[in-house]
């Protein structure tokens, strides 16, 4: 028992004698960078000329791809071409059928794929 007590006393003395680590100082805070306003991608803003088939729906003026999709949706809503049961499907009328590759019904997710073929 005496040996254990002596060992503990030596350990305590060693701990006290050990130099204490210096407390870390907080790093100075850097000034927050001011976020610049998001700039739209030039690729989206590039005006594209629609084909004759697409021009029959949206007009023959060169417009960006994003505007083409917006105009197609305006046309779809105005003519009630969205399927009543499955809203993801678009029923093509006589003007949209050549744009959609002759298909009578196209998914709204495939619509952009079909539109890209008619833009230059």
PDB file of N, CA and C in Angstrom:
ATOM      1  N   UNK A   1       0.815  -1.183   0.000  1.00  0.00           N
ATOM      2  CA  UNK A   1       0.000   0.000   0.000  1.00  0.00           C
ATOM      3  C   UNK A   1       0.867   1.259   0.000  1.00  0.00           C
ATOM      4  N   UNK A   2       1.925   1.211   0.680  1.00  0.00           N
ATOM      5  CA  UNK A   2       2.791   2.389   0.785  1.00  0.00           C
ATOM      6  C   UNK A   2       3.367   2.752  -0.576  1.00  0.00           C
ATOM      7  N   UNK A   3       3.652   1.702  -1.384  1.00  0.00           N
ATOM      8  CA  UNK A   3       4.221   1.963  -2.703  1.00  0.00           C
ATOM      9  C   UNK A   3       3.214   2.703  -3.591  1.00  0.00           C
ATOM     10  N   UNK A   4       1.921   2.285  -3.530  1.00  0.00           N
ATOM     11  CA  UNK A   4       0.886   2.929  -4.343  1.00  0.00           C
ATOM     12  C   UNK A   4       0.742   4.388  -3.948  1.00  0.00           C
ATOM     13  N   UNK A   5       0.732   4.658  -2.675  1.00  0.00           N
ATOM     14  CA  UNK A   5       0.579   6.029  -2.187  1.00  0.00           C
ATOM     15  C   UNK A   5       1.760   6.876  -2.636  1.00  0.00           C
ATOM     16  N   UNK A   6       2.968   6.287  -2.618  1.00  0.00           N
ATOM     17  CA  UNK A   6       4.169   7.015  -3.021  1.00  0.00           C
ATOM     18  C   UNK A   6       4.109   7.331  -4.525  1.00  0.00           C
ATOM     19  N   UNK A   7       3.635   6.365  -5.340  1.00  0.00           N
ATOM     20  CA  UNK A   7       3.530   6.578  -6.775  1.00  0.00           C
ATOM     21  C   UNK A   7       2.554   7.711  -7.084  1.00  0.00           C
ATOM     22  N   UNK A   8       1.402   7.732  -6.375  1.00  0.00           N
ATOM     23  CA  UNK A   8       0.409   8.765  -6.598  1.00  0.00           C
ATOM     24  C   UNK A   8       0.999  10.133  -6.257  1.00  0.00           C
ATOM     25  N   UNK A   9       1.749  10.193  -5.175  1.00  0.00           N
ATOM     26  CA  UNK A   9       2.340  11.466  -4.753  1.00  0.00           C
ATOM     27  C   UNK A   9       3.339  11.964  -5.805  1.00  0.00           C
ATOM     28  N   UNK A  10       4.117  11.032  -6.385  1.00  0.00           N
ATOM     29  CA  UNK A  10       5.094  11.398  -7.402  1.00  0.00           C
ATOM     30  C   UNK A  10       4.373  11.932  -8.656  1.00  0.00           C
ATOM     31  N   UNK A  11       3.283  11.251  -9.053  1.00  0.00           N
ATOM     32  CA  UNK A  11       2.516  11.671 -10.226  1.00  0.00           C
ATOM     33  C   UNK A  11       1.936  13.068 -10.012  1.00  0.00           C
ATOM     34  N   UNK A  12       1.388  13.332  -8.804  1.00  0.00           N
ATOM     35  CA  UNK A  12       0.808  14.629  -8.518  1.00  0.00           C
ATOM     36  C   UNK A  12       1.864  15.718  -8.599  1.00  0.00           C
ATOM     37  N   UNK A  13       3.039  15.403  -8.045  1.00  0.00           N
ATOM     38  CA  UNK A  13       4.131  16.375  -8.049  1.00  0.00           C
ATOM     39  C   UNK A  13       4.585  16.651  -9.487  1.00  0.00           C
ATOM     40  N   UNK A  14       4.603  15.597 -10.333  1.00  0.00           N
ATOM     41  CA  UNK A  14       5.014  15.754 -11.723  1.00  0.00           C
ATOM     42  C   UNK A  14       4.005  16.618 -12.486  1.00  0.00           C
ATOM     43  N   UNK A  15       2.711  16.429 -12.191  1.00  0.00           N
ATOM     44  CA  UNK A  15       1.680  17.221 -12.849  1.00  0.00           C
ATOM     45  C   UNK A  15       1.816  18.687 -12.483  1.00  0.00           C
ATOM     46  N   UNK A  16       2.069  18.966 -11.208  1.00  0.00           N
ATOM     47  CA  UNK A  16       2.192  20.349 -10.775  1.00  0.00           C
ATOM     48  C   UNK A  16       3.413  21.002 -11.383  1.00  0.00           C
ATOM     49  N   UNK A  17       4.495  20.245 -11.506  1.00  0.00           N
ATOM     50  CA  UNK A  17       5.741  20.789 -12.017  1.00  0.00           C
ATOM     51  C   UNK A  17       5.680  21.024 -13.531  1.00  0.00           C
ATOM     52  N   UNK A  18       4.834  20.246 -14.241  1.00  0.00           N
ATOM     53  CA  UNK A  18       4.743  20.374 -15.704  1.00  0.00           C
ATOM     54  C   UNK A  18       4.216  21.766 -16.067  1.00  0.00           C
ATOM     55  N   UNK A  19       4.863  22.399 -17.035  1.00  0.00           N
ATOM     56  CA  UNK A  19       4.421  23.745 -17.400  1.00  0.00           C
ATOM     57  C   UNK A  19       3.042  23.691 -18.057  1.00  0.00           C
ATOM     58  N   UNK A  20       2.233  24.661 -17.744  1.00  0.00           N
ATOM     59  CA  UNK A  20       0.880  24.695 -18.300  1.00  0.00           C
ATOM     60  C   UNK A  20       0.945  25.252 -19.709  1.00  0.00           C
ATOM     61  N   UNK A  21       0.115  24.686 -20.569  1.00  0.00           N
ATOM     62  CA  UNK A  21       0.055  25.159 -21.950  1.00  0.00           C
ATOM     63  C   UNK A  21      -0.613  26.534 -21.972  1.00  0.00           C
ATOM     64  N   UNK A  22      -0.090  27.393 -22.828  1.00  0.00           N
ATOM     65  CA  UNK A  22      -0.662  28.727 -22.955  1.00  0.00           C
ATOM     66  C   UNK A  22      -2.029  28.621 -23.621  1.00  0.00           C
ATOM     67  N   UNK A  23      -2.956  29.362 -23.118  1.00  0.00           N
ATOM     68  CA  UNK A  23      -4.301  29.339 -23.694  1.00  0.00           C
ATOM     69  C   UNK A  23      -4.249  29.944 -25.093  1.00  0.00           C
ATOM     70  N   UNK A  24      -4.908  29.267 -26.021  1.00  0.00           N
ATOM     71  CA  UNK A  24      -4.901  29.767 -27.400  1.00  0.00           C
ATOM     72  C   UNK A  24      -5.743  31.032 -27.491  1.00  0.00           C
ATOM     73  N   UNK A  25      -5.197  32.001 -28.188  1.00  0.00           N
ATOM     74  CA  UNK A  25      -5.947  33.236 -28.389  1.00  0.00           C
ATOM     75  C   UNK A  25      -6.826  33.055 -29.621  1.00  0.00           C
ATOM     76  N   UNK A  26      -8.013  33.640 -29.572  1.00  0.00           N
ATOM     77  CA  UNK A  26      -8.928  33.546 -30.709  1.00  0.00           C
ATOM     78  C   UNK A  26      -8.333  34.308 -31.892  1.00  0.00           C
ATOM     79  N   UNK A  27      -8.393  33.693 -33.040  1.00  0.00           N
ATOM     80  CA  UNK A  27      -7.863  34.336 -34.242  1.00  0.00           C
ATOM     81  C   UNK A  27      -8.712  35.573 -34.551  1.00  0.00           C
ATOM     82  N   UNK A  28      -8.081  36.650 -34.975  1.00  0.00           N
ATOM     83  CA  UNK A  28      -8.882  37.847 -35.291  1.00  0.00           C
ATOM     84  C   UNK A  28      -9.839  37.549 -36.450  1.00  0.00           C
ATOM     85  N   UNK A  29     -11.070  38.011 -36.321  1.00  0.00           N
ATOM     86  CA  UNK A  29     -12.079  37.722 -37.348  1.00  0.00           C
ATOM     87  C   UNK A  29     -11.801  38.546 -38.590  1.00  0.00           C
ATOM     88  N   UNK A  30     -11.885  37.869 -39.735  1.00  0.00           N
ATOM     89  CA  UNK A  30     -11.682  38.558 -41.004  1.00  0.00           C
ATOM     90  C   UNK A  30     -12.976  39.271 -41.375  1.00  0.00           C
ATOM     91  N   UNK A  31     -12.842  40.361 -42.056  1.00  0.00           N
ATOM     92  CA  UNK A  31     -14.016  41.112 -42.494  1.00  0.00           C
ATOM     93  C   UNK A  31     -14.775  40.263 -43.510  1.00  0.00           C
ATOM     94  N   UNK A  32     -16.082  40.172 -43.342  1.00  0.00           N
ATOM     95  CA  UNK A  32     -16.897  39.360 -44.252  1.00  0.00           C
ATOM     96  C   UNK A  32     -16.855  39.974 -45.648  1.00  0.00           C
ATOM     97  N   UNK A  33     -16.624  39.107 -46.644  1.00  0.00           N
ATOM     98  CA  UNK A  33     -16.578  39.585 -48.022  1.00  0.00           C
ATOM     99  C   UNK A  33     -17.992  39.921 -48.475  1.00  0.00           C
ATOM    100  N   UNK A  34     -18.121  41.016 -49.183  1.00  0.00           N
ATOM    101  CA  UNK A  34     -19.421  41.405 -49.692  1.00  0.00           C
ATOM    102  C   UNK A  34     -19.717  40.562 -50.930  1.00  0.00           C
ATOM    103  N   UNK A  35     -20.832  39.866 -50.890  1.00  0.00           N
ATOM    104  CA  UNK A  35     -21.184  39.004 -52.023  1.00  0.00           C
ATOM    105  C   UNK A  35     -21.624  39.859 -53.197  1.00  0.00           C
ATOM    106  N   UNK A  36     -21.067  39.554 -54.353  1.00  0.00           N
ATOM    107  CA  UNK A  36     -21.474  40.288 -55.541  1.00  0.00           C
ATOM    108  C   UNK A  36     -22.791  39.704 -56.037  1.00  0.00           C
ATOM    109  N   UNK A  37     -23.567  40.519 -56.702  1.00  0.00           N
ATOM    110  CA  UNK A  37     -24.855  40.063 -57.229  1.00  0.00           C
ATOM    111  C   UNK A  37     -24.606  38.977 -58.274  1.00  0.00           C
ATOM    112  N   UNK A  38     -25.481  37.990 -58.296  1.00  0.00           N
ATOM    113  CA  UNK A  38     -25.325  36.894 -59.261  1.00  0.00           C
ATOM    114  C   UNK A  38     -25.485  37.418 -60.664  1.00  0.00           C
ATOM    115  N   UNK A  39     -24.580  37.012 -61.506  1.00  0.00           N
ATOM    116  CA  UNK A  39     -24.653  37.421 -62.903  1.00  0.00           C
ATOM    117  C   UNK A  39     -25.240  36.266 -63.711  1.00  0.00           C
ATOM    118  N   UNK A  40     -26.238  36.516 -64.539  1.00  0.00           N
ATOM    119  CA  UNK A  40     -26.803  35.435 -65.346  1.00  0.00           C
ATOM    120  C   UNK A  40     -25.777  34.932 -66.361  1.00  0.00           C
ATOM    121  N   UNK A  41     -25.856  33.652 -66.628  1.00  0.00           N
ATOM    122  CA  UNK A  41     -24.942  33.038 -67.577  1.00  0.00           C
ATOM    123  C   UNK A  41     -25.199  33.587 -68.976  1.00  0.00           C
ATOM    124  N   UNK A  42     -24.134  33.899 -69.682  1.00  0.00           N
ATOM    125  CA  UNK A  42     -24.267  34.448 -71.034  1.00  0.00           C
ATOM    126  C   UNK A  42     -24.933  33.445 -71.977  1.00  0.00           C
ATOM    127  N   UNK A  43     -24.737  32.148 -71.717  1.00  0.00           N
ATOM    128  CA  UNK A  43     -25.324  31.113 -72.575  1.00  0.00           C
ATOM    129  C   UNK A  43     -26.856  31.159 -72.523  1.00  0.00           C
ATOM    130  N   UNK A  44     -27.411  31.452 -71.357  1.00  0.00           N
ATOM    131  CA  UNK A  44     -28.864  31.522 -71.232  1.00  0.00           C
ATOM    132  C   UNK A  44     -29.423  32.776 -71.892  1.00  0.00           C
ATOM    133  N   UNK A  45     -28.631  33.831 -71.887  1.00  0.00           N
ATOM    134  CA  UNK A  45     -29.112  35.109 -72.405  1.00  0.00           C
ATOM    135  C   UNK A  45     -28.920  35.268 -73.913  1.00  0.00           C
ATOM    136  N   UNK A  46     -28.215  34.333 -74.531  1.00  0.00           N
ATOM    137  CA  UNK A  46     -27.944  34.433 -75.971  1.00  0.00           C
ATOM    138  C   UNK A  46     -29.245  34.266 -76.756  1.00  0.00           C
ATOM    139  N   UNK A  47     -29.505  35.212 -77.631  1.00  0.00           N
ATOM    140  CA  UNK A  47     -30.721  35.147 -78.444  1.00  0.00           C
ATOM    141  C   UNK A  47     -30.572  34.074 -79.518  1.00  0.00           C
ATOM    142  N   UNK A  48     -31.564  33.201 -79.606  1.00  0.00           N
ATOM    143  CA  UNK A  48     -31.555  32.108 -80.576  1.00  0.00           C
ATOM    144  C   UNK A  48     -32.722  32.281 -81.552  1.00  0.00           C
ATOM    145  N   UNK A  49     -32.482  31.927 -82.782  1.00  0.00           N
ATOM    146  CA  UNK A  49     -33.513  32.050 -83.813  1.00  0.00           C
ATOM    147  C   UNK A  49     -34.342  30.770 -83.875  1.00  0.00           C
ATOM    148  N   UNK A  50     -35.659  30.877 -83.738  1.00  0.00           N
ATOM    149  CA  UNK A  50     -36.503  29.678 -83.809  1.00  0.00           C
ATOM    150  C   UNK A  50     -36.687  29.195 -85.245  1.00  0.00           C
ATOM    151  N   UNK A  51     -36.927  27.901 -85.388  1.00  0.00           N
ATOM    152  CA  UNK A  51     -37.202  27.330 -86.710  1.00  0.00           C
ATOM    153  C   UNK A  51     -38.599  27.790 -87.156  1.00  0.00           C
ATOM    154  N   UNK A  52     -38.960  27.473 -88.390  1.00  0.00           N
ATOM    155  CA  UNK A  52     -40.268  27.881 -88.919  1.00  0.00           C
ATOM    156  C   UNK A  52     -41.407  27.259 -88.114  1.00  0.00           C
ATOM    157  N   UNK A  53     -41.231  25.993 -87.716  1.00  0.00           N
ATOM    158  CA  UNK A  53     -42.274  25.304 -86.937  1.00  0.00           C
ATOM    159  C   UNK A  53     -42.477  25.970 -85.578  1.00  0.00           C
ATOM    160  N   UNK A  54     -41.371  26.287 -84.924  1.00  0.00           N
ATOM    161  CA  UNK A  54     -41.444  26.918 -83.603  1.00  0.00           C
ATOM    162  C   UNK A  54     -41.899  28.378 -83.723  1.00  0.00           C
ATOM    163  N   UNK A  55     -41.510  29.041 -84.794  1.00  0.00           N
ATOM    164  CA  UNK A  55     -41.902  30.435 -85.010  1.00  0.00           C
ATOM    165  C   UNK A  55     -43.425  30.571 -85.137  1.00  0.00           C
ATOM    166  N   UNK A  56     -44.086  29.523 -85.621  1.00  0.00           N
ATOM    167  CA  UNK A  56     -45.542  29.546 -85.735  1.00  0.00           C
ATOM    168  C   UNK A  56     -46.202  29.647 -84.361  1.00  0.00           C
ATOM    169  N   UNK A  57     -45.493  29.202 -83.320  1.00  0.00           N
ATOM    170  CA  UNK A  57     -46.045  29.211 -81.961  1.00  0.00           C
ATOM    171  C   UNK A  57     -45.609  30.460 -81.197  1.00  0.00           C
ATOM    172  N   UNK A  58     -44.302  30.789 -81.239  1.00  0.00           N
ATOM    173  CA  UNK A  58     -43.772  31.868 -80.386  1.00  0.00           C
ATOM    174  C   UNK A  58     -43.399  33.137 -81.142  1.00  0.00           C
ATOM    175  N   UNK A  59     -43.455  33.121 -82.452  1.00  0.00           N
ATOM    176  CA  UNK A  59     -43.041  34.282 -83.240  1.00  0.00           C
ATOM    177  C   UNK A  59     -41.639  34.065 -83.792  1.00  0.00           C
ATOM    178  N   UNK A  60     -41.273  34.829 -84.822  1.00  0.00           N
ATOM    179  CA  UNK A  60     -39.992  34.569 -85.491  1.00  0.00           C
ATOM    180  C   UNK A  60     -38.852  35.451 -84.985  1.00  0.00           C
ATOM    181  N   UNK A  61     -39.085  36.211 -83.933  1.00  0.00           N
ATOM    182  CA  UNK A  61     -38.046  37.064 -83.362  1.00  0.00           C
ATOM    183  C   UNK A  61     -37.060  36.210 -82.562  1.00  0.00           C
ATOM    184  N   UNK A  62     -35.753  36.523 -82.652  1.00  0.00           N
ATOM    185  CA  UNK A  62     -34.737  35.780 -81.901  1.00  0.00           C
ATOM    186  C   UNK A  62     -34.877  36.097 -80.413  1.00  0.00           C
ATOM    187  N   UNK A  63     -35.005  35.061 -79.592  1.00  0.00           N
ATOM    188  CA  UNK A  63     -35.168  35.227 -78.142  1.00  0.00           C
ATOM    189  C   UNK A  63     -34.287  34.232 -77.398  1.00  0.00           C
ATOM    190  N   UNK A  64     -33.937  34.521 -76.127  1.00  0.00           N
ATOM    191  CA  UNK A  64     -33.152  33.567 -75.340  1.00  0.00           C
ATOM    192  C   UNK A  64     -33.951  32.284 -75.068  1.00  0.00           C
ATOM    193  N   UNK A  65     -33.226  31.222 -74.797  1.00  0.00           N
ATOM    194  CA  UNK A  65     -33.830  29.908 -74.537  1.00  0.00           C
ATOM    195  C   UNK A  65     -34.863  29.971 -73.405  1.00  0.00           C
ATOM    196  N   UNK A  66     -34.558  30.734 -72.363  1.00  0.00           N
ATOM    197  CA  UNK A  66     -35.473  30.824 -71.218  1.00  0.00           C
ATOM    198  C   UNK A  66     -36.806  31.441 -71.630  1.00  0.00           C
ATOM    199  N   UNK A  67     -36.744  32.443 -72.496  1.00  0.00           N
ATOM    200  CA  UNK A  67     -37.970  33.096 -72.965  1.00  0.00           C
ATOM    201  C   UNK A  67     -38.778  32.167 -73.868  1.00  0.00           C
ATOM    202  N   UNK A  68     -38.083  31.328 -74.627  1.00  0.00           N
ATOM    203  CA  UNK A  68     -38.778  30.367 -75.506  1.00  0.00           C
ATOM    204  C   UNK A  68     -39.651  29.444 -74.655  1.00  0.00           C
ATOM    205  N   UNK A  69     -39.061  28.933 -73.571  1.00  0.00           N
ATOM    206  CA  UNK A  69     -39.805  28.020 -72.691  1.00  0.00           C
ATOM    207  C   UNK A  69     -40.992  28.753 -72.066  1.00  0.00           C
ATOM    208  N   UNK A  70     -40.785  29.996 -71.643  1.00  0.00           N
ATOM    209  CA  UNK A  70     -41.882  30.779 -71.060  1.00  0.00           C
ATOM    210  C   UNK A  70     -43.012  30.971 -72.060  1.00  0.00           C
ATOM    211  N   UNK A  71     -42.658  31.308 -73.303  1.00  0.00           N
ATOM    212  CA  UNK A  71     -43.680  31.539 -74.329  1.00  0.00           C
ATOM    213  C   UNK A  71     -44.429  30.262 -74.669  1.00  0.00           C
ATOM    214  N   UNK A  72     -43.718  29.133 -74.679  1.00  0.00           N
ATOM    215  CA  UNK A  72     -44.374  27.845 -74.943  1.00  0.00           C
ATOM    216  C   UNK A  72     -45.390  27.561 -73.830  1.00  0.00           C
ATOM    217  N   UNK A  73     -45.004  27.830 -72.579  1.00  0.00           N
ATOM    218  CA  UNK A  73     -45.920  27.588 -71.461  1.00  0.00           C
ATOM    219  C   UNK A  73     -47.137  28.508 -71.530  1.00  0.00           C
ATOM    220  N   UNK A  74     -46.940  29.742 -71.941  1.00  0.00           N
ATOM    221  CA  UNK A  74     -48.072  30.661 -72.104  1.00  0.00           C
ATOM    222  C   UNK A  74     -49.030  30.091 -73.148  1.00  0.00           C
ATOM    223  N   UNK A  75     -48.472  29.584 -74.253  1.00  0.00           N
ATOM    224  CA  UNK A  75     -49.273  28.994 -75.326  1.00  0.00           C
ATOM    225  C   UNK A  75     -50.027  27.754 -74.818  1.00  0.00           C
ATOM    226  N   UNK A  76     -49.320  26.911 -74.054  1.00  0.00           N
ATOM    227  CA  UNK A  76     -49.934  25.679 -73.532  1.00  0.00           C
ATOM    228  C   UNK A  76     -51.091  26.022 -72.599  1.00  0.00           C
ATOM    229  N   UNK A  77     -50.879  26.979 -71.694  1.00  0.00           N
ATOM    230  CA  UNK A  77     -51.929  27.356 -70.735  1.00  0.00           C
ATOM    231  C   UNK A  77     -53.109  28.029 -71.444  1.00  0.00           C
ATOM    232  N   UNK A  78     -52.808  28.904 -72.415  1.00  0.00           N
ATOM    233  CA  UNK A  78     -53.874  29.621 -73.125  1.00  0.00           C
ATOM    234  C   UNK A  78     -54.764  28.667 -73.914  1.00  0.00           C
ATOM    235  N   UNK A  79     -54.164  27.624 -74.483  1.00  0.00           N
ATOM    236  CA  UNK A  79     -54.935  26.668 -75.291  1.00  0.00           C
ATOM    237  C   UNK A  79     -55.330  25.410 -74.515  1.00  0.00           C
ATOM    238  N   UNK A  80     -55.075  25.401 -73.203  1.00  0.00           N
ATOM    239  CA  UNK A  80     -55.437  24.274 -72.308  1.00  0.00           C
ATOM    240  C   UNK A  80     -54.926  22.949 -72.862  1.00  0.00           C
ATOM    241  N   UNK A  81     -53.639  22.905 -73.178  1.00  0.00           N
ATOM    242  CA  UNK A  81     -53.045  21.704 -73.767  1.00  0.00           C
ATOM    243  C   UNK A  81     -52.438  20.763 -72.729  1.00  0.00           C
ATOM    244  N   UNK A  82     -52.442  21.168 -71.458  1.00  0.00           N
ATOM    245  CA  UNK A  82     -51.922  20.293 -70.410  1.00  0.00           C
ATOM    246  C   UNK A  82     -52.963  19.210 -70.138  1.00  0.00           C
ATOM    247  N   UNK A  83     -52.517  17.948 -70.047  1.00  0.00           N
ATOM    248  CA  UNK A  83     -53.425  16.825 -69.839  1.00  0.00           C
ATOM    249  C   UNK A  83     -54.162  17.011 -68.512  1.00  0.00           C
ATOM    250  N   UNK A  84     -55.461  16.797 -68.495  1.00  0.00           N
ATOM    251  CA  UNK A  84     -56.241  17.046 -67.277  1.00  0.00           C
ATOM    252  C   UNK A  84     -55.979  16.013 -66.176  1.00  0.00           C
ATOM    253  N   UNK A  85     -55.701  14.774 -66.553  1.00  0.00           N
ATOM    254  CA  UNK A  85     -55.447  13.732 -65.548  1.00  0.00           C
ATOM    255  C   UNK A  85     -53.993  13.711 -65.111  1.00  0.00           C
ATOM    256  N   UNK A  86     -53.066  13.731 -66.077  1.00  0.00           N
ATOM    257  CA  UNK A  86     -51.640  13.708 -65.772  1.00  0.00           C
ATOM    258  C   UNK A  86     -51.052  15.055 -66.203  1.00  0.00           C
ATOM    259  N   UNK A  87     -50.907  15.964 -65.252  1.00  0.00           N
ATOM    260  CA  UNK A  87     -50.492  17.345 -65.544  1.00  0.00           C
ATOM    261  C   UNK A  87     -49.071  17.437 -66.111  1.00  0.00           C
ATOM    262  N   UNK A  88     -48.305  16.370 -65.999  1.00  0.00           N
ATOM    263  CA  UNK A  88     -46.932  16.386 -66.534  1.00  0.00           C
ATOM    264  C   UNK A  88     -46.908  16.232 -68.054  1.00  0.00           C
ATOM    265  N   UNK A  89     -48.002  15.790 -68.615  1.00  0.00           N
ATOM    266  CA  UNK A  89     -48.063  15.561 -70.054  1.00  0.00           C
ATOM    267  C   UNK A  89     -48.709  16.752 -70.766  1.00  0.00           C
ATOM    268  N   UNK A  90     -48.173  17.052 -71.947  1.00  0.00           N
ATOM    269  CA  UNK A  90     -48.684  18.138 -72.760  1.00  0.00           C
ATOM    270  C   UNK A  90     -49.233  17.536 -74.051  1.00  0.00           C
ATOM    271  N   UNK A  91     -50.486  17.833 -74.338  1.00  0.00           N
ATOM    272  CA  UNK A  91     -51.121  17.350 -75.565  1.00  0.00           C
ATOM    273  C   UNK A  91     -50.814  18.340 -76.678  1.00  0.00           C
ATOM    274  N   UNK A  92     -50.193  17.857 -77.726  1.00  0.00           N
ATOM    275  CA  UNK A  92     -49.798  18.741 -78.828  1.00  0.00           C
ATOM    276  C   UNK A  92     -50.984  19.007 -79.747  1.00  0.00           C
ATOM    277  N   UNK A  93     -51.146  20.274 -80.139  1.00  0.00           N
ATOM    278  CA  UNK A  93     -52.151  20.611 -81.143  1.00  0.00           C
ATOM    279  C   UNK A  93     -51.451  20.663 -82.507  1.00  0.00           C
ATOM    280  N   UNK A  94     -52.140  21.163 -83.524  1.00  0.00           N
ATOM    281  CA  UNK A  94     -51.576  21.168 -84.888  1.00  0.00           C
ATOM    282  C   UNK A  94     -50.277  21.968 -84.975  1.00  0.00           C
ATOM    283  N   UNK A  95     -50.174  23.069 -84.202  1.00  0.00           N
ATOM    284  CA  UNK A  95     -48.958  23.890 -84.254  1.00  0.00           C
ATOM    285  C   UNK A  95     -47.791  23.256 -83.496  1.00  0.00           C
ATOM    286  N   UNK A  96     -48.088  22.582 -82.392  1.00  0.00           N
ATOM    287  CA  UNK A  96     -47.020  22.017 -81.555  1.00  0.00           C
ATOM    288  C   UNK A  96     -46.529  20.652 -82.037  1.00  0.00           C
ATOM    289  N   UNK A  97     -47.337  19.942 -82.769  1.00  0.00           N
ATOM    290  CA  UNK A  97     -46.959  18.597 -83.211  1.00  0.00           C
ATOM    291  C   UNK A  97     -45.628  18.578 -83.974  1.00  0.00           C
ATOM    292  N   UNK A  98     -45.403  19.464 -84.952  1.00  0.00           N
ATOM    293  CA  UNK A  98     -44.094  19.441 -85.633  1.00  0.00           C
ATOM    294  C   UNK A  98     -42.940  19.825 -84.711  1.00  0.00           C
ATOM    295  N   UNK A  99     -43.203  20.645 -83.706  1.00  0.00           N
ATOM    296  CA  UNK A  99     -42.162  21.038 -82.746  1.00  0.00           C
ATOM    297  C   UNK A  99     -41.785  19.844 -81.878  1.00  0.00           C
ATOM    298  N   UNK A 100     -42.783  19.039 -81.510  1.00  0.00           N
ATOM    299  CA  UNK A 100     -42.553  17.880 -80.642  1.00  0.00           C
ATOM    300  C   UNK A 100     -42.203  16.623 -81.429  1.00  0.00           C
ATOM    301  N   UNK A 101     -41.747  16.771 -82.635  1.00  0.00           N
ATOM    302  CA  UNK A 101     -41.304  15.620 -83.423  1.00  0.00           C
ATOM    303  C   UNK A 101     -42.436  14.721 -83.877  1.00  0.00           C
ATOM    304  N   UNK A 102     -43.620  15.267 -84.088  1.00  0.00           N
ATOM    305  CA  UNK A 102     -44.751  14.481 -84.571  1.00  0.00           C
ATOM    306  C   UNK A 102     -45.500  13.736 -83.484  1.00  0.00           C
ATOM    307  N   UNK A 103     -45.059  13.852 -82.236  1.00  0.00           N
ATOM    308  CA  UNK A 103     -45.747  13.152 -81.139  1.00  0.00           C
ATOM    309  C   UNK A 103     -46.985  13.942 -80.727  1.00  0.00           C
ATOM    310  N   UNK A 104     -48.034  13.209 -80.365  1.00  0.00           N
ATOM    311  CA  UNK A 104     -49.268  13.886 -79.962  1.00  0.00           C
ATOM    312  C   UNK A 104     -49.246  14.258 -78.481  1.00  0.00           C
ATOM    313  N   UNK A 105     -48.392  13.582 -77.700  1.00  0.00           N
ATOM    314  CA  UNK A 105     -48.294  13.883 -76.278  1.00  0.00           C
ATOM    315  C   UNK A 105     -46.831  13.794 -75.845  1.00  0.00           C
ATOM    316  N   UNK A 106     -46.373  14.820 -75.105  1.00  0.00           N
ATOM    317  CA  UNK A 106     -44.973  14.901 -74.684  1.00  0.00           C
ATOM    318  C   UNK A 106     -44.930  15.256 -73.209  1.00  0.00           C
ATOM    319  N   UNK A 107     -43.971  14.681 -72.483  1.00  0.00           N
ATOM    320  CA  UNK A 107     -43.774  15.025 -71.080  1.00  0.00           C
ATOM    321  C   UNK A 107     -43.188  16.422 -70.993  1.00  0.00           C
ATOM    322  N   UNK A 108     -43.561  17.175 -69.964  1.00  0.00           N
ATOM    323  CA  UNK A 108     -43.033  18.531 -69.822  1.00  0.00           C
ATOM    324  C   UNK A 108     -41.517  18.525 -69.630  1.00  0.00           C
ATOM    325  N   UNK A 109     -40.974  17.411 -69.152  1.00  0.00           N
ATOM    326  CA  UNK A 109     -39.535  17.313 -68.941  1.00  0.00           C
ATOM    327  C   UNK A 109     -38.795  17.065 -70.259  1.00  0.00           C
ATOM    328  N   UNK A 110     -39.477  16.453 -71.215  1.00  0.00           N
ATOM    329  CA  UNK A 110     -38.887  16.215 -72.541  1.00  0.00           C
ATOM    330  C   UNK A 110     -39.074  17.415 -73.467  1.00  0.00           C
ATOM    331  N   UNK A 111     -39.908  18.351 -73.051  1.00  0.00           N
ATOM    332  CA  UNK A 111     -40.225  19.491 -73.898  1.00  0.00           C
ATOM    333  C   UNK A 111     -38.968  20.292 -74.265  1.00  0.00           C
ATOM    334  N   UNK A 112     -38.078  20.525 -73.308  1.00  0.00           N
ATOM    335  CA  UNK A 112     -36.865  21.307 -73.558  1.00  0.00           C
ATOM    336  C   UNK A 112     -35.978  20.603 -74.588  1.00  0.00           C
ATOM    337  N   UNK A 113     -35.957  19.275 -74.549  1.00  0.00           N
ATOM    338  CA  UNK A 113     -35.174  18.495 -75.504  1.00  0.00           C
ATOM    339  C   UNK A 113     -35.697  18.711 -76.932  1.00  0.00           C
ATOM    340  N   UNK A 114     -37.010  18.706 -77.064  1.00  0.00           N
ATOM    341  CA  UNK A 114     -37.625  18.925 -78.381  1.00  0.00           C
ATOM    342  C   UNK A 114     -37.423  20.361 -78.849  1.00  0.00           C
ATOM    343  N   UNK A 115     -37.497  21.309 -77.930  1.00  0.00           N
ATOM    344  CA  UNK A 115     -37.333  22.716 -78.295  1.00  0.00           C
ATOM    345  C   UNK A 115     -35.912  23.016 -78.775  1.00  0.00           C
ATOM    346  N   UNK A 116     -34.930  22.361 -78.167  1.00  0.00           N
ATOM    347  CA  UNK A 116     -33.531  22.641 -78.534  1.00  0.00           C
ATOM    348  C   UNK A 116     -33.231  22.306 -79.998  1.00  0.00           C
ATOM    349  N   UNK A 117     -33.968  21.358 -80.554  1.00  0.00           N
ATOM    350  CA  UNK A 117     -33.788  20.987 -81.955  1.00  0.00           C
ATOM    351  C   UNK A 117     -34.279  22.083 -82.902  1.00  0.00           C
ATOM    352  N   UNK A 118     -35.117  22.984 -82.387  1.00  0.00           N
ATOM    353  CA  UNK A 118     -35.700  24.031 -83.223  1.00  0.00           C
ATOM    354  C   UNK A 118     -35.094  25.401 -82.980  1.00  0.00           C
ATOM    355  N   UNK A 119     -33.983  25.454 -82.222  1.00  0.00           N
ATOM    356  CA  UNK A 119     -33.328  26.727 -81.946  1.00  0.00           C
ATOM    357  C   UNK A 119     -31.916  26.740 -82.508  1.00  0.00           C
ATOM    358  N   UNK A 120     -31.534  27.847 -83.147  1.00  0.00           N
ATOM    359  CA  UNK A 120     -30.171  27.979 -83.665  1.00  0.00           C
ATOM    360  C   UNK A 120     -29.615  29.318 -83.283  1.00  0.00           C
TER     361      UNK A 120
END
